Amino acid sequence: MTQSPRSRAFSSMIRTGMAGLALAAGLAVATGPASAQRLAMGGTHGQSAFYAYQVAVVSDWNKTLGMNMSIQELGGASASTTALMRGEVDMGIAVTSSDYATMKGKGGEKLRTLYYFAPLPANWVVAADSDIKSMSDLAGKQFNPGGRGSATEKQADEIMKVLGIAPEMFRAGGTDALESYQNRRIVGFMKAGLHPDGYIQQAHASRPIRMIPMTQAEAEKVVTEIPYFSVAKVTPGDNYGSQPADITTVQTAIGINTTSDLPEKVAYEVAKRIFSAEGMAAAKSGYPAADRVIPADLTLSASVAPLHPGVARYFKEVGAAVPARLAAK
């Protein structure tokens, strides 16, 4: 199958195998100017490698941009975006699926993109000693679709609906789901991200895993019916024992969103920093794979919500063409 332009764009931004980091850390807020505006970022759950990413970039912004920002652990992109639209945070963790849903909802016209920093392929993980070898084998099995309230959970639900597969969904937060897998209360889980993934490594360490593929027909059906997905191939390598060399699945992307209420200067300074070599190095300290994706390119290819004017200003200054679909009206 010929990949869509968006699918090809995602693939071209991954320079080599990704390295994940599961880091539970508090946010050390650097001292900025006394007049610095207090800002809040909605975060994913603390067990996620992406929470470590958020800690790293926010710490860097507080130190280098004189910001006064904190992170609120909200569990995932869907919960964070809900809080964002209520005005409870100023920006937050985002995925293309939750942005797409928000754009179609009440007040969605205020949603804006700051940037995207990583593709997010869906990884279907089951116990290696189970008899599950395909997506259809998940029917009727105890399976965690992702952290409760997360975009991953909603994506898994939508994918299963499109494919007509009905697992017994075990709804739980990321930590509880991991413990339930390790204690054999569930047979597997869906985890979005590139490899190696710290969460999957934790699961594999106590109960060996098997990654199951989608068929090409299944992946194409999902992409046809759900436009924020693209077909993807993932390569687990030897990070979780013996796994297939290439696994077919579908993917979204993860980043940081905001609203039109955020001052243009703040968005501009964030974009200028995060797209710089220094900003990418700071991000790598929390999420080692950060320097293997070009966030500016991913932002232009993957975003579904319009760019914040401050981000658009940055792209104009560096001579990057902004797609018409990302221009704020």
Foldseek 3Di string as FASTA:
>chain_A
DDWDPLQVLQVVQQQDFFAFDQDQDAADADAADPPADEFEEEEAANRFLVNLLVSLLNNVCCVPVRHRYGYDHQHAALRRVVCQQVVNGFKYKHWQQSLVVLCPDPPSLFKAALWFQHKWWKWWKFFPPDPDAAPQVQAAFEEEQAAASYPSNVVSVLLCVLVVGHHNYDYHGLVVRLVCLLVVVGGTYIGIDTPPTPSQLSSLVRTQMATHAHDPVSQVSSCVVRVQKIKDWGAHDCSRHDYDRIGITIIITMDMMGGLPPDLVVSLVSLVQCQDPNNQVSSCVSTVRRVSGRTVSSRQSHHQEAHHVSNVVNCVVVVHDHDPNNHRD
